[in-house]
Amino acid sequence: MLKRVRRGAAILALMASAAACGGTAKPVAQAQPTIAVVATTTQVADLTRQVEGDAVQVTQLLRPNVDRTTSTRPPPTCRP
């Protein structure tokens, strides 16, 4: 009889702890800060956008279809 009581108490405790773990509350959405990323080539910029999604703001230095060895940026767009 004592074994049955212990076993029942153990099962009841297990069920109570399992019920406590399975909450139905939805997580609160927190605004994450956007990270500014500067990418040199279009490939790096595209890869960064695909991996990080909306979490980053990507600035790409080279335009598409431009040779990276001959490309120069005008002075007003280059800032320290």
Protein backbone atom coordinates (compact mmCIF):
# COMPACT_ATOMS: atom_id res chain seq x y z
CA MET A 1 0.00 0.00 0.00
CA LEU A 2 2.83 2.40 0.84
CA LYS A 3 4.48 1.60 -2.52
CA ARG A 4 1.28 2.55 -4.34
CA VAL A 5 1.07 5.87 -2.50
CA ARG A 6 4.71 6.67 -3.27
CA ARG A 7 4.29 5.68 -6.89
CA GLY A 8 1.10 7.77 -7.19
CA ALA A 9 2.80 10.76 -5.56
CA ALA A 10 5.76 10.42 -7.92
CA ILE A 11 3.48 10.25 -10.97
CA LEU A 12 1.48 13.23 -9.73
CA ALA A 13 4.67 15.25 -9.18
CA LEU A 14 5.93 14.30 -12.63
CA MET A 15 2.66 15.36 -14.25
CA ALA A 16 2.63 18.65 -12.35
CA SER A 17 6.20 19.47 -13.38
CA ALA A 18 5.47 18.55 -17.01
CA ALA A 19 2.41 20.77 -17.01
CA ALA A 20 4.42 23.64 -15.59
CA CYS A 21 7.01 23.33 -18.37
CA GLY A 22 4.51 23.37 -21.22
CA GLY A 23 3.30 26.96 -20.94
CA THR A 24 1.22 28.44 -23.73
CA ALA A 25 2.34 32.04 -23.29
CA LYS A 26 3.79 33.59 -26.41
CA PRO A 27 7.22 35.19 -26.08
CA VAL A 28 7.24 38.95 -26.04
CA ALA A 29 8.77 40.35 -29.21
CA GLN A 30 11.66 42.61 -28.37
CA ALA A 31 12.97 45.17 -30.78
CA GLN A 32 16.50 44.27 -31.74
CA PRO A 33 18.86 47.03 -32.76
CA THR A 34 19.81 47.10 -36.42
CA ILE A 35 23.52 46.60 -37.04
CA ALA A 36 25.21 48.66 -39.76
CA VAL A 37 27.42 46.51 -42.01
CA VAL A 38 29.70 47.79 -44.78
CA ALA A 39 30.50 45.24 -47.48
CA THR A 40 33.17 45.73 -50.11
CA THR A 41 31.81 43.51 -52.89
CA THR A 42 28.33 42.64 -54.06
CA GLN A 43 28.86 38.99 -53.16
CA VAL A 44 29.70 39.80 -49.55
CA ALA A 45 26.75 42.20 -49.34
CA ASP A 46 24.33 39.60 -50.72
CA LEU A 47 25.67 36.89 -48.41
CA THR A 48 25.31 39.18 -45.40
CA ARG A 49 21.72 40.05 -46.34
CA GLN A 50 20.82 36.38 -46.80
CA VAL A 51 22.37 35.26 -43.52
CA GLU A 52 21.34 38.12 -41.25
CA GLY A 53 18.10 39.27 -42.90
CA ASP A 54 16.44 42.31 -41.36
CA ALA A 55 18.84 42.39 -38.40
CA VAL A 56 21.42 44.33 -40.42
CA GLN A 57 21.53 47.35 -42.69
CA VAL A 58 24.05 46.58 -45.44
CA THR A 59 25.95 49.31 -47.28
CA GLN A 60 27.70 47.98 -50.35
CA LEU A 61 30.72 49.89 -51.64
CA LEU A 62 30.87 48.49 -55.17
CA ARG A 63 27.99 48.61 -57.60
CA PRO A 64 27.04 45.44 -59.49
CA ASN A 65 29.07 44.62 -62.63
CA VAL A 66 31.95 46.96 -61.72
CA ASP A 67 35.55 45.81 -61.71
CA ARG A 68 36.83 46.08 -58.17
CA THR A 69 40.41 46.82 -59.29
CA THR A 70 39.47 49.92 -61.28
CA SER A 71 36.53 51.19 -59.27
CA THR A 72 36.85 54.38 -57.26
CA ARG A 73 34.29 56.07 -55.05
CA PRO A 74 33.73 59.81 -55.35
CA PRO A 75 34.94 61.77 -52.31
CA PRO A 76 31.48 62.85 -51.00
CA THR A 77 30.46 59.21 -50.42
CA CYS A 78 33.64 58.28 -48.53
CA ARG A 79 33.35 59.26 -44.89
CA PRO A 80 35.53 58.26 -41.94
